[in-house]
Amino acid sequence: MTTATKPTTGSTGATGPTGATGSTGSTGKQRRRRNTLVGWSFILPNFLGFAALTLIPVIGTLLLAFTNWNSYTTPEWIGFDNFRRMFDDGNFWTALENTTWYAVGHIPLTLVAALGLAVLLNRKLKGVGVLRTAFFFPYITSLVAVAVVWNMLLSPELGPVNQFLKFIGIANPPGWTTSTEWSMPALVITSVWRDMGYYMVLYLAGLQAIPGELYEAARVDGANAWKRFWHVTLPGLRPTTFFVLVMLTVSSFKVFDLVQVMTEGGPGRSTLVLSQLIYRQGITQGRFGYASAISLVLFLIVLSITLVQFQLQRRSER
């Protein structure tokens, strides 16, 4: 019986099931290879763009931070001289202080304004769509136009803001962008007005993701509006708030265009921020090595704050 069945098995294995298995395996490999190529065709352009416009410049900035280079000569390796010079540079400490002051004002005010708008416009109000669009519109408006308009609004002599303050009895209204004391608050006010609409949209998405049953249960338990906001809305918005906080931190520490257009860092050095100092040292004065060192420090500051925020978020989730 064994002798009789061997030829059959061998023949079947050579031309039947084995051949089909080999064909199926080959087809499977071709399909996987084709799917891999299709996947790479989608991500490769994005990856190449990221590498050319972000990854390579970041690595180059990291290396330039340890060199002396003005774009006309060969970079000279000078070790940590740029960092020693930075710590003795009064402009760096002034810019760091101004940047921190801007972030301390911009982050909480924008967050509170965006959350308040979102809670208000999450209701069924007449014309709520128009209101949402109106508050979001400044974010997509040209920043240069925003800066020019707010410079006109905050003009010490002819601006409508000071005219209104005089009308209500304030004899000496602020000098805003012409004053060393009020120039930074003017920048913060303008930034909050421009950014709150964008973060309002994020909060609206977060609010609409909170189950309505939680509010119904809170009402049944006798919770008033404040308790429902504190015990249902805020915990439900925790992931959104964390994302908004990280985004606001990053945008606050890299603020440049608004400052450049509205005050150019002045009056004096009252609104000089780190991004502007980097621009002046690198682009204006050609000290690319020193500018790269400041950029690296700014990157480490933002990275440290972001890591702390992630750590605090993990602890709050436990």
C-alpha atoms as a PDB file:
ATOM      1  CA  MET A   1       0.000   0.000   0.000  1.00  0.00           C
ATOM      2  CA  THR A   2       2.882   2.288   0.771  1.00  0.00           C
ATOM      3  CA  THR A   3       4.497   1.612  -2.574  1.00  0.00           C
ATOM      4  CA  ALA A   4       1.213   2.261  -4.367  1.00  0.00           C
ATOM      5  CA  THR A   5       0.525   5.573  -2.702  1.00  0.00           C
ATOM      6  CA  LYS A   6       4.004   7.158  -2.960  1.00  0.00           C
ATOM      7  CA  PRO A   7       3.847   8.025  -6.726  1.00  0.00           C
ATOM      8  CA  THR A   8       0.415   9.563  -6.245  1.00  0.00           C
ATOM      9  CA  THR A   9       1.553  11.670  -3.317  1.00  0.00           C
ATOM     10  CA  GLY A  10       4.743  12.751  -5.127  1.00  0.00           C
ATOM     11  CA  SER A  11       2.865  13.617  -8.287  1.00  0.00           C
ATOM     12  CA  THR A  12       0.243  15.550  -6.374  1.00  0.00           C
ATOM     13  CA  GLY A  13       2.894  17.405  -4.364  1.00  0.00           C
ATOM     14  CA  ALA A  14       4.835  18.428  -7.500  1.00  0.00           C
ATOM     15  CA  THR A  15       1.994  19.635  -9.619  1.00  0.00           C
ATOM     16  CA  GLY A  16      -1.016  20.091  -7.329  1.00  0.00           C
ATOM     17  CA  PRO A  17      -1.106  21.541  -3.864  1.00  0.00           C
ATOM     18  CA  THR A  18       2.621  22.451  -3.773  1.00  0.00           C
ATOM     19  CA  GLY A  19       2.416  24.345  -7.018  1.00  0.00           C
ATOM     20  CA  ALA A  20      -0.721  26.150  -5.858  1.00  0.00           C
ATOM     21  CA  THR A  21       0.932  27.024  -2.550  1.00  0.00           C
ATOM     22  CA  GLY A  22       3.994  28.366  -4.359  1.00  0.00           C
ATOM     23  CA  SER A  23       1.792  30.434  -6.669  1.00  0.00           C
ATOM     24  CA  THR A  24      -0.238  31.734  -3.723  1.00  0.00           C
ATOM     25  CA  GLY A  25       2.933  32.608  -1.812  1.00  0.00           C
ATOM     26  CA  SER A  26       4.368  34.431  -4.809  1.00  0.00           C
ATOM     27  CA  THR A  27       1.129  36.332  -5.301  1.00  0.00           C
ATOM     28  CA  GLY A  28       1.070  37.250  -1.627  1.00  0.00           C
ATOM     29  CA  LYS A  29       4.637  38.601  -1.792  1.00  0.00           C
ATOM     30  CA  GLN A  30       3.786  40.654  -4.871  1.00  0.00           C
ATOM     31  CA  ARG A  31       0.716  42.037  -3.171  1.00  0.00           C
ATOM     32  CA  ARG A  32       2.691  42.970  -0.038  1.00  0.00           C
ATOM     33  CA  ARG A  33       5.439  44.536  -2.167  1.00  0.00           C
ATOM     34  CA  ARG A  34       2.855  46.520  -4.126  1.00  0.00           C
ATOM     35  CA  ASN A  35       1.123  47.665  -0.936  1.00  0.00           C
ATOM     36  CA  THR A  36       4.488  48.676   0.520  1.00  0.00           C
ATOM     37  CA  LEU A  37       5.334  50.708  -2.573  1.00  0.00           C
ATOM     38  CA  VAL A  38       1.916  52.368  -2.517  1.00  0.00           C
ATOM     39  CA  GLY A  39       2.398  53.244   1.142  1.00  0.00           C
ATOM     40  CA  TRP A  40       5.859  54.699   0.529  1.00  0.00           C
ATOM     41  CA  SER A  41       4.514  56.691  -2.429  1.00  0.00           C
ATOM     42  CA  PHE A  42       2.120  58.415  -0.001  1.00  0.00           C
ATOM     43  CA  ILE A  43       4.548  59.149   2.817  1.00  0.00           C
ATOM     44  CA  LEU A  44       7.795  59.688   0.896  1.00  0.00           C
ATOM     45  CA  PRO A  45       6.985  63.189  -0.464  1.00  0.00           C
ATOM     46  CA  ASN A  46       5.976  64.327   3.011  1.00  0.00           C
ATOM     47  CA  PHE A  47       9.031  62.719   4.552  1.00  0.00           C
ATOM     48  CA  LEU A  48      11.355  64.287   1.976  1.00  0.00           C
ATOM     49  CA  GLY A  49       9.772  67.688   2.577  1.00  0.00           C
ATOM     50  CA  PHE A  50      10.121  67.264   6.336  1.00  0.00           C
ATOM     51  CA  ALA A  51      13.739  66.184   5.970  1.00  0.00           C
ATOM     52  CA  ALA A  52      14.655  69.022   3.589  1.00  0.00           C
ATOM     53  CA  LEU A  53      12.777  71.832   5.366  1.00  0.00           C
ATOM     54  CA  THR A  54      12.861  70.773   9.019  1.00  0.00           C
ATOM     55  CA  LEU A  55      15.137  67.876   9.970  1.00  0.00           C
ATOM     56  CA  ILE A  56      18.290  68.939   8.078  1.00  0.00           C
ATOM     57  CA  PRO A  57      17.982  72.649   9.119  1.00  0.00           C
ATOM     58  CA  VAL A  58      17.506  71.595  12.751  1.00  0.00           C
ATOM     59  CA  ILE A  59      20.622  69.417  12.631  1.00  0.00           C
ATOM     60  CA  GLY A  60      22.493  72.221  10.851  1.00  0.00           C
ATOM     61  CA  THR A  61      21.399  74.717  13.524  1.00  0.00           C
ATOM     62  CA  LEU A  62      22.602  72.354  16.222  1.00  0.00           C
ATOM     63  CA  LEU A  63      26.048  72.142  14.612  1.00  0.00           C
ATOM     64  CA  LEU A  64      26.240  75.880  13.824  1.00  0.00           C
ATOM     65  CA  ALA A  65      25.638  76.683  17.491  1.00  0.00           C
ATOM     66  CA  PHE A  66      29.208  75.563  18.169  1.00  0.00           C
ATOM     67  CA  THR A  67      30.775  77.527  15.320  1.00  0.00           C
ATOM     68  CA  ASN A  68      31.583  81.069  14.283  1.00  0.00           C
ATOM     69  CA  TRP A  69      30.056  81.621  10.830  1.00  0.00           C
ATOM     70  CA  ASN A  70      28.871  84.669   8.923  1.00  0.00           C
ATOM     71  CA  SER A  71      27.840  82.857   5.682  1.00  0.00           C
ATOM     72  CA  TYR A  72      30.858  84.275   3.778  1.00  0.00           C
ATOM     73  CA  THR A  73      33.604  82.198   5.404  1.00  0.00           C
ATOM     74  CA  THR A  74      34.079  78.591   6.384  1.00  0.00           C
ATOM     75  CA  PRO A  75      32.457  77.812   9.755  1.00  0.00           C
ATOM     76  CA  GLU A  76      35.050  77.830  12.547  1.00  0.00           C
ATOM     77  CA  TRP A  77      34.537  75.397  15.433  1.00  0.00           C
ATOM     78  CA  ILE A  78      34.645  77.400  18.698  1.00  0.00           C
ATOM     79  CA  GLY A  79      33.066  74.957  21.137  1.00  0.00           C
ATOM     80  CA  PHE A  80      30.888  76.604  23.813  1.00  0.00           C
ATOM     81  CA  ASP A  81      32.061  80.193  23.187  1.00  0.00           C
ATOM     82  CA  ASN A  82      28.670  81.209  21.773  1.00  0.00           C
ATOM     83  CA  PHE A  83      26.934  79.989  24.931  1.00  0.00           C
ATOM     84  CA  ARG A  84      29.430  81.756  27.230  1.00  0.00           C
ATOM     85  CA  ARG A  85      28.889  84.919  25.236  1.00  0.00           C
ATOM     86  CA  MET A  86      25.129  84.473  25.450  1.00  0.00           C
ATOM     87  CA  PHE A  87      25.129  84.310  29.240  1.00  0.00           C
ATOM     88  CA  ASP A  88      27.087  87.596  29.354  1.00  0.00           C
ATOM     89  CA  ASP A  89      24.783  89.261  26.812  1.00  0.00           C
ATOM     90  CA  GLY A  90      22.263  91.655  28.366  1.00  0.00           C
ATOM     91  CA  ASN A  91      20.066  91.502  25.273  1.00  0.00           C
ATOM     92  CA  PHE A  92      19.627  87.748  25.723  1.00  0.00           C
ATOM     93  CA  TRP A  93      18.420  88.086  29.322  1.00  0.00           C
ATOM     94  CA  THR A  94      16.136  90.980  28.385  1.00  0.00           C
ATOM     95  CA  ALA A  95      14.678  88.972  25.503  1.00  0.00           C
ATOM     96  CA  LEU A  96      14.225  85.921  27.737  1.00  0.00           C
ATOM     97  CA  GLU A  97      12.453  88.014  30.368  1.00  0.00           C
ATOM     98  CA  ASN A  98      10.203  89.648  27.770  1.00  0.00           C
ATOM     99  CA  THR A  99       9.381  86.289  26.176  1.00  0.00           C
ATOM    100  CA  THR A 100       8.449  84.835  29.560  1.00  0.00           C
ATOM    101  CA  TRP A 101       6.348  87.906  30.358  1.00  0.00           C
ATOM    102  CA  TYR A 102       4.550  87.565  27.034  1.00  0.00           C
ATOM    103  CA  ALA A 103       3.899  83.837  27.594  1.00  0.00           C
ATOM    104  CA  VAL A 104       2.632  84.405  31.151  1.00  0.00           C
ATOM    105  CA  GLY A 105       0.119  86.931  29.822  1.00  0.00           C
ATOM    106  CA  HIS A 106      -0.794  85.272  26.550  1.00  0.00           C
ATOM    107  CA  ILE A 107      -1.317  81.653  27.624  1.00  0.00           C
ATOM    108  CA  PRO A 108      -3.824  81.997  30.510  1.00  0.00           C
ATOM    109  CA  LEU A 109      -5.772  84.880  28.979  1.00  0.00           C
ATOM    110  CA  THR A 110      -6.169  83.114  25.641  1.00  0.00           C
ATOM    111  CA  LEU A 111      -7.145  79.857  27.339  1.00  0.00           C
ATOM    112  CA  VAL A 112      -9.778  81.508  29.539  1.00  0.00           C
ATOM    113  CA  ALA A 113     -11.167  83.630  26.689  1.00  0.00           C
ATOM    114  CA  ALA A 114     -11.376  80.645  24.319  1.00  0.00           C
ATOM    115  CA  LEU A 115     -13.059  78.462  26.951  1.00  0.00           C
ATOM    116  CA  GLY A 116     -15.547  81.191  27.850  1.00  0.00           C
ATOM    117  CA  LEU A 117     -16.451  81.777  24.213  1.00  0.00           C
ATOM    118  CA  ALA A 118     -16.825  78.052  23.589  1.00  0.00           C
ATOM    119  CA  VAL A 119     -19.149  77.575  26.568  1.00  0.00           C
ATOM    120  CA  LEU A 120     -21.189  80.597  25.523  1.00  0.00           C
ATOM    121  CA  LEU A 121     -21.441  79.632  21.851  1.00  0.00           C
ATOM    122  CA  ASN A 122     -22.118  75.957  22.542  1.00  0.00           C
ATOM    123  CA  ARG A 123     -25.697  76.871  23.288  1.00  0.00           C
ATOM    124  CA  LYS A 124     -28.605  77.095  20.881  1.00  0.00           C
ATOM    125  CA  LEU A 125     -28.525  80.843  20.322  1.00  0.00           C
ATOM    126  CA  LYS A 126     -29.864  82.800  17.412  1.00  0.00           C
ATOM    127  CA  GLY A 127     -27.071  83.568  14.957  1.00  0.00           C
ATOM    128  CA  VAL A 128     -24.589  81.348  16.767  1.00  0.00           C
ATOM    129  CA  GLY A 129     -23.008  80.304  13.457  1.00  0.00           C
ATOM    130  CA  VAL A 130     -22.333  83.921  12.539  1.00  0.00           C
ATOM    131  CA  LEU A 131     -20.835  84.588  15.960  1.00  0.00           C
ATOM    132  CA  ARG A 132     -18.543  81.554  15.744  1.00  0.00           C
ATOM    133  CA  THR A 133     -17.357  82.670  12.307  1.00  0.00           C
ATOM    134  CA  ALA A 134     -16.805  86.229  13.516  1.00  0.00           C
ATOM    135  CA  PHE A 135     -14.631  85.116  16.429  1.00  0.00           C
ATOM    136  CA  PHE A 136     -12.665  82.672  14.261  1.00  0.00           C
ATOM    137  CA  PHE A 137     -12.115  85.143  11.432  1.00  0.00           C
ATOM    138  CA  PRO A 138      -9.188  87.069  13.036  1.00  0.00           C
ATOM    139  CA  TYR A 139      -7.142  83.857  13.125  1.00  0.00           C
ATOM    140  CA  ILE A 140      -7.220  83.481   9.347  1.00  0.00           C
ATOM    141  CA  THR A 141      -6.699  87.191   8.742  1.00  0.00           C
ATOM    142  CA  SER A 142      -3.245  88.357   7.689  1.00  0.00           C
ATOM    143  CA  LEU A 143      -1.158  88.969  10.798  1.00  0.00           C
ATOM    144  CA  VAL A 144       0.304  92.104   9.230  1.00  0.00           C
ATOM    145  CA  ALA A 145      -3.199  93.500   8.742  1.00  0.00           C
ATOM    146  CA  VAL A 146      -4.099  92.614  12.341  1.00  0.00           C
ATOM    147  CA  ALA A 147      -0.979  94.364  13.630  1.00  0.00           C
ATOM    148  CA  VAL A 148      -1.579  97.485  11.549  1.00  0.00           C
ATOM    149  CA  VAL A 149      -5.227  97.738  12.606  1.00  0.00           C
ATOM    150  CA  TRP A 150      -4.397  97.299  16.300  1.00  0.00           C
ATOM    151  CA  ASN A 151      -1.613  99.875  16.027  1.00  0.00           C
ATOM    152  CA  MET A 152      -4.260 102.301  14.773  1.00  0.00           C
ATOM    153  CA  LEU A 153      -6.746 101.302  17.475  1.00  0.00           C
ATOM    154  CA  LEU A 154      -4.116 101.762  20.188  1.00  0.00           C
ATOM    155  CA  SER A 155      -2.722 105.036  18.881  1.00  0.00           C
ATOM    156  CA  PRO A 156      -2.108 107.209  21.979  1.00  0.00           C
ATOM    157  CA  GLU A 157      -3.577 110.392  20.505  1.00  0.00           C
ATOM    158  CA  LEU A 158      -6.058 109.401  17.798  1.00  0.00           C
ATOM    159  CA  GLY A 159      -6.848 105.773  18.582  1.00  0.00           C
ATOM    160  CA  PRO A 160     -10.479 104.954  19.440  1.00  0.00           C
ATOM    161  CA  VAL A 161      -9.400 102.959  22.499  1.00  0.00           C
ATOM    162  CA  ASN A 162      -7.817 105.953  24.198  1.00  0.00           C
ATOM    163  CA  GLN A 163     -10.622 108.191  22.976  1.00  0.00           C
ATOM    164  CA  PHE A 164     -13.077 105.900  24.752  1.00  0.00           C
ATOM    165  CA  LEU A 165     -10.949 105.822  27.916  1.00  0.00           C
ATOM    166  CA  LYS A 166     -10.897 109.627  27.951  1.00  0.00           C
ATOM    167  CA  PHE A 167     -14.663 109.644  27.388  1.00  0.00           C
ATOM    168  CA  ILE A 168     -15.256 107.550  30.518  1.00  0.00           C
ATOM    169  CA  GLY A 169     -13.053 109.829  32.588  1.00  0.00           C
ATOM    170  CA  ILE A 170      -9.500 108.454  32.385  1.00  0.00           C
ATOM    171  CA  ALA A 171      -7.439 111.588  31.907  1.00  0.00           C
ATOM    172  CA  ASN A 172      -4.098 109.913  31.139  1.00  0.00           C
ATOM    173  CA  PRO A 173      -4.753 106.719  29.164  1.00  0.00           C
ATOM    174  CA  PRO A 174      -1.875 104.336  28.412  1.00  0.00           C
ATOM    175  CA  GLY A 175       0.624 105.082  25.666  1.00  0.00           C
ATOM    176  CA  TRP A 176       0.357 101.449  24.480  1.00  0.00           C
ATOM    177  CA  THR A 177       2.972 100.698  21.807  1.00  0.00           C
ATOM    178  CA  THR A 178       4.817 103.976  22.415  1.00  0.00           C
ATOM    179  CA  SER A 179       5.264 103.246  26.123  1.00  0.00           C
ATOM    180  CA  THR A 180       7.857 100.903  27.631  1.00  0.00           C
ATOM    181  CA  GLU A 181       5.344  99.964  30.325  1.00  0.00           C
ATOM    182  CA  TRP A 182       2.330  99.299  28.098  1.00  0.00           C
ATOM    183  CA  SER A 183       3.884  97.967  24.896  1.00  0.00           C
ATOM    184  CA  MET A 184       3.937  94.343  26.099  1.00  0.00           C
ATOM    185  CA  PRO A 185       0.318  94.428  27.354  1.00  0.00           C
ATOM    186  CA  ALA A 186      -0.641  95.831  23.943  1.00  0.00           C
ATOM    187  CA  LEU A 187       1.006  92.844  22.258  1.00  0.00           C
ATOM    188  CA  VAL A 188      -0.686  90.411  24.641  1.00  0.00           C
ATOM    189  CA  ILE A 189      -4.124  91.970  24.057  1.00  0.00           C
ATOM    190  CA  THR A 190      -3.685  91.770  20.297  1.00  0.00           C
ATOM    191  CA  SER A 191      -2.488  88.158  20.448  1.00  0.00           C
ATOM    192  CA  VAL A 192      -5.360  87.074  22.670  1.00  0.00           C
ATOM    193  CA  TRP A 193      -7.885  88.748  20.364  1.00  0.00           C
ATOM    194  CA  ARG A 194      -6.416  87.014  17.334  1.00  0.00           C
ATOM    195  CA  ASP A 195      -5.896  83.521  18.795  1.00  0.00           C
ATOM    196  CA  MET A 196      -8.954  83.000  20.990  1.00  0.00           C
ATOM    197  CA  GLY A 197     -11.201  82.154  18.037  1.00  0.00           C
ATOM    198  CA  TYR A 198      -9.005  79.275  16.911  1.00  0.00           C
ATOM    199  CA  TYR A 199      -8.816  77.713  20.362  1.00  0.00           C
ATOM    200  CA  MET A 200     -12.544  78.356  20.797  1.00  0.00           C
ATOM    201  CA  VAL A 201     -13.146  75.956  17.907  1.00  0.00           C
ATOM    202  CA  LEU A 202     -11.046  73.295  19.630  1.00  0.00           C
ATOM    203  CA  TYR A 203     -12.978  73.760  22.857  1.00  0.00           C
ATOM    204  CA  LEU A 204     -16.289  73.588  20.967  1.00  0.00           C
ATOM    205  CA  ALA A 205     -15.271  70.207  19.570  1.00  0.00           C
ATOM    206  CA  GLY A 206     -14.349  69.087  23.075  1.00  0.00           C
ATOM    207  CA  LEU A 207     -17.634  70.290  24.554  1.00  0.00           C
ATOM    208  CA  GLN A 208     -19.700  68.465  21.956  1.00  0.00           C
ATOM    209  CA  ALA A 209     -17.834  65.244  22.749  1.00  0.00           C
ATOM    210  CA  ILE A 210     -18.990  65.269  26.397  1.00  0.00           C
ATOM    211  CA  PRO A 211     -21.982  62.898  26.787  1.00  0.00           C
ATOM    212  CA  GLY A 212     -25.225  64.723  27.604  1.00  0.00           C
ATOM    213  CA  GLU A 213     -26.132  61.957  30.064  1.00  0.00           C
ATOM    214  CA  LEU A 214     -23.496  63.284  32.453  1.00  0.00           C
ATOM    215  CA  TYR A 215     -25.227  66.660  32.607  1.00  0.00           C
ATOM    216  CA  GLU A 216     -28.624  64.998  33.080  1.00  0.00           C
ATOM    217  CA  ALA A 217     -27.258  62.902  35.933  1.00  0.00           C
ATOM    218  CA  ALA A 218     -25.742  66.005  37.527  1.00  0.00           C
ATOM    219  CA  ARG A 219     -29.084  67.826  37.295  1.00  0.00           C
ATOM    220  CA  VAL A 220     -30.873  64.876  38.901  1.00  0.00           C
ATOM    221  CA  ASP A 221     -28.331  65.031  41.741  1.00  0.00           C
ATOM    222  CA  GLY A 222     -29.178  68.707  42.247  1.00  0.00           C
ATOM    223  CA  ALA A 223     -25.974  70.224  40.804  1.00  0.00           C
ATOM    224  CA  ASN A 224     -26.326  73.846  39.780  1.00  0.00           C
ATOM    225  CA  ALA A 225     -24.758  75.359  36.658  1.00  0.00           C
ATOM    226  CA  TRP A 226     -21.425  76.131  38.347  1.00  0.00           C
ATOM    227  CA  LYS A 227     -21.101  72.610  39.789  1.00  0.00           C
ATOM    228  CA  ARG A 228     -21.956  71.087  36.427  1.00  0.00           C
ATOM    229  CA  PHE A 229     -19.250  73.239  34.814  1.00  0.00           C
ATOM    230  CA  TRP A 230     -16.692  72.423  37.492  1.00  0.00           C
ATOM    231  CA  HIS A 231     -17.382  68.681  37.900  1.00  0.00           C
ATOM    232  CA  VAL A 232     -18.518  67.721  34.379  1.00  0.00           C
ATOM    233  CA  THR A 233     -17.352  70.238  31.798  1.00  0.00           C
ATOM    234  CA  LEU A 234     -13.811  70.897  32.987  1.00  0.00           C
ATOM    235  CA  PRO A 235     -12.920  67.192  33.546  1.00  0.00           C
ATOM    236  CA  GLY A 236     -14.437  66.374  30.150  1.00  0.00           C
ATOM    237  CA  LEU A 237     -12.290  69.065  28.527  1.00  0.00           C
ATOM    238  CA  ARG A 238      -9.042  67.928  30.151  1.00  0.00           C
ATOM    239  CA  PRO A 239      -7.522  66.411  26.959  1.00  0.00           C
ATOM    240  CA  THR A 240      -8.515  69.511  24.960  1.00  0.00           C
ATOM    241  CA  THR A 241      -7.102  71.829  27.615  1.00  0.00           C
ATOM    242  CA  PHE A 242      -3.832  69.919  27.622  1.00  0.00           C
ATOM    243  CA  PHE A 243      -3.534  70.196  23.841  1.00  0.00           C
ATOM    244  CA  VAL A 244      -4.424  73.906  23.924  1.00  0.00           C
ATOM    245  CA  LEU A 245      -1.884  74.493  26.696  1.00  0.00           C
ATOM    246  CA  VAL A 246       0.929  72.825  24.750  1.00  0.00           C
ATOM    247  CA  MET A 247       0.080  74.678  21.551  1.00  0.00           C
ATOM    248  CA  LEU A 248      -0.146  78.027  23.349  1.00  0.00           C
ATOM    249  CA  THR A 249       3.187  77.440  25.071  1.00  0.00           C
ATOM    250  CA  VAL A 250       4.955  76.699  21.812  1.00  0.00           C
ATOM    251  CA  SER A 251       3.361  79.628  19.969  1.00  0.00           C
ATOM    252  CA  SER A 252       4.076  82.042  22.838  1.00  0.00           C
ATOM    253  CA  PHE A 253       7.783  81.257  23.037  1.00  0.00           C
ATOM    254  CA  LYS A 254       8.279  81.516  19.275  1.00  0.00           C
ATOM    255  CA  VAL A 255       6.290  84.715  18.764  1.00  0.00           C
ATOM    256  CA  PHE A 256       8.002  86.901  16.185  1.00  0.00           C
ATOM    257  CA  ASP A 257       5.870  88.347  13.385  1.00  0.00           C
ATOM    258  CA  LEU A 258       3.413  90.239  15.578  1.00  0.00           C
ATOM    259  CA  VAL A 259       6.229  91.841  17.584  1.00  0.00           C
ATOM    260  CA  GLN A 260       8.193  92.680  14.466  1.00  0.00           C
ATOM    261  CA  VAL A 261       5.264  94.460  12.822  1.00  0.00           C
ATOM    262  CA  MET A 262       3.752  96.199  15.852  1.00  0.00           C
ATOM    263  CA  THR A 263       6.779  97.362  17.854  1.00  0.00           C
ATOM    264  CA  GLU A 264      10.000  96.008  16.269  1.00  0.00           C
ATOM    265  CA  GLY A 265      11.099  95.130  19.793  1.00  0.00           C
ATOM    266  CA  GLY A 266      10.661  98.650  21.131  1.00  0.00           C
ATOM    267  CA  PRO A 267      10.310 101.135  22.573  1.00  0.00           C
ATOM    268  CA  GLY A 268      13.904 100.537  23.636  1.00  0.00           C
ATOM    269  CA  ARG A 269      14.098  96.817  24.396  1.00  0.00           C
ATOM    270  CA  SER A 270      10.709  96.597  26.112  1.00  0.00           C
ATOM    271  CA  THR A 271       9.263  94.047  23.648  1.00  0.00           C
ATOM    272  CA  LEU A 272      12.436  92.382  22.408  1.00  0.00           C
ATOM    273  CA  VAL A 273      11.744  88.615  22.405  1.00  0.00           C
ATOM    274  CA  LEU A 274      14.029  85.662  21.771  1.00  0.00           C
ATOM    275  CA  SER A 275      12.828  84.974  18.217  1.00  0.00           C
ATOM    276  CA  GLN A 276      13.475  88.586  17.316  1.00  0.00           C
ATOM    277  CA  LEU A 277      16.928  88.490  18.873  1.00  0.00           C
ATOM    278  CA  ILE A 278      17.679  85.391  16.806  1.00  0.00           C
ATOM    279  CA  TYR A 279      16.514  87.232  13.680  1.00  0.00           C
ATOM    280  CA  ARG A 280      18.655  90.268  14.460  1.00  0.00           C
ATOM    281  CA  GLN A 281      21.788  88.277  15.252  1.00  0.00           C
ATOM    282  CA  GLY A 282      21.440  85.858  12.335  1.00  0.00           C
ATOM    283  CA  ILE A 283      19.739  87.597   9.430  1.00  0.00           C
ATOM    284  CA  THR A 284      20.554  91.247  10.157  1.00  0.00           C
ATOM    285  CA  GLN A 285      24.069  90.985  11.585  1.00  0.00           C
ATOM    286  CA  GLY A 286      25.192  87.703   9.978  1.00  0.00           C
ATOM    287  CA  ARG A 287      26.175  86.004  13.254  1.00  0.00           C
ATOM    288  CA  PHE A 288      24.652  82.667  12.374  1.00  0.00           C
ATOM    289  CA  GLY A 289      26.626  80.702  14.940  1.00  0.00           C
ATOM    290  CA  TYR A 290      25.503  82.926  17.812  1.00  0.00           C
ATOM    291  CA  ALA A 291      21.916  83.015  16.515  1.00  0.00           C
ATOM    292  CA  SER A 292      21.931  79.208  16.313  1.00  0.00           C
ATOM    293  CA  ALA A 293      23.107  78.997  19.932  1.00  0.00           C
ATOM    294  CA  ILE A 294      20.181  81.173  21.041  1.00  0.00           C
ATOM    295  CA  SER A 295      17.837  79.022  18.918  1.00  0.00           C
ATOM    296  CA  LEU A 296      19.125  75.907  20.622  1.00  0.00           C
ATOM    297  CA  VAL A 297      18.526  77.401  24.074  1.00  0.00           C
ATOM    298  CA  LEU A 298      15.008  78.469  23.045  1.00  0.00           C
ATOM    299  CA  PHE A 299      14.338  74.946  21.785  1.00  0.00           C
ATOM    300  CA  LEU A 300      15.530  73.426  25.062  1.00  0.00           C
ATOM    301  CA  ILE A 301      13.338  75.826  27.080  1.00  0.00           C
ATOM    302  CA  VAL A 302      10.203  74.922  25.100  1.00  0.00           C
ATOM    303  CA  LEU A 303      11.088  71.216  25.179  1.00  0.00           C
ATOM    304  CA  SER A 304      11.556  71.307  28.965  1.00  0.00           C
ATOM    305  CA  ILE A 305       8.242  73.073  29.561  1.00  0.00           C
ATOM    306  CA  THR A 306       6.433  70.671  27.233  1.00  0.00           C
ATOM    307  CA  LEU A 307       7.919  67.616  28.965  1.00  0.00           C
ATOM    308  CA  VAL A 308       6.816  69.005  32.331  1.00  0.00           C
ATOM    309  CA  GLN A 309       3.304  69.506  30.925  1.00  0.00           C
ATOM    310  CA  PHE A 310       3.231  65.911  29.664  1.00  0.00           C
ATOM    311  CA  GLN A 311       4.416  64.658  33.054  1.00  0.00           C
ATOM    312  CA  LEU A 312       1.750  66.636  34.890  1.00  0.00           C
ATOM    313  CA  GLN A 313      -0.895  65.374  32.467  1.00  0.00           C
ATOM    314  CA  ARG A 314       0.127  61.758  33.122  1.00  0.00           C
ATOM    315  CA  ARG A 315      -0.067  62.290  36.877  1.00  0.00           C
ATOM    316  CA  SER A 316      -3.535  63.827  36.589  1.00  0.00           C
ATOM    317  CA  GLU A 317      -4.753  60.811  34.583  1.00  0.00           C
ATOM    318  CA  ARG A 318      -3.661  58.314  37.258  1.00  0.00           C
END
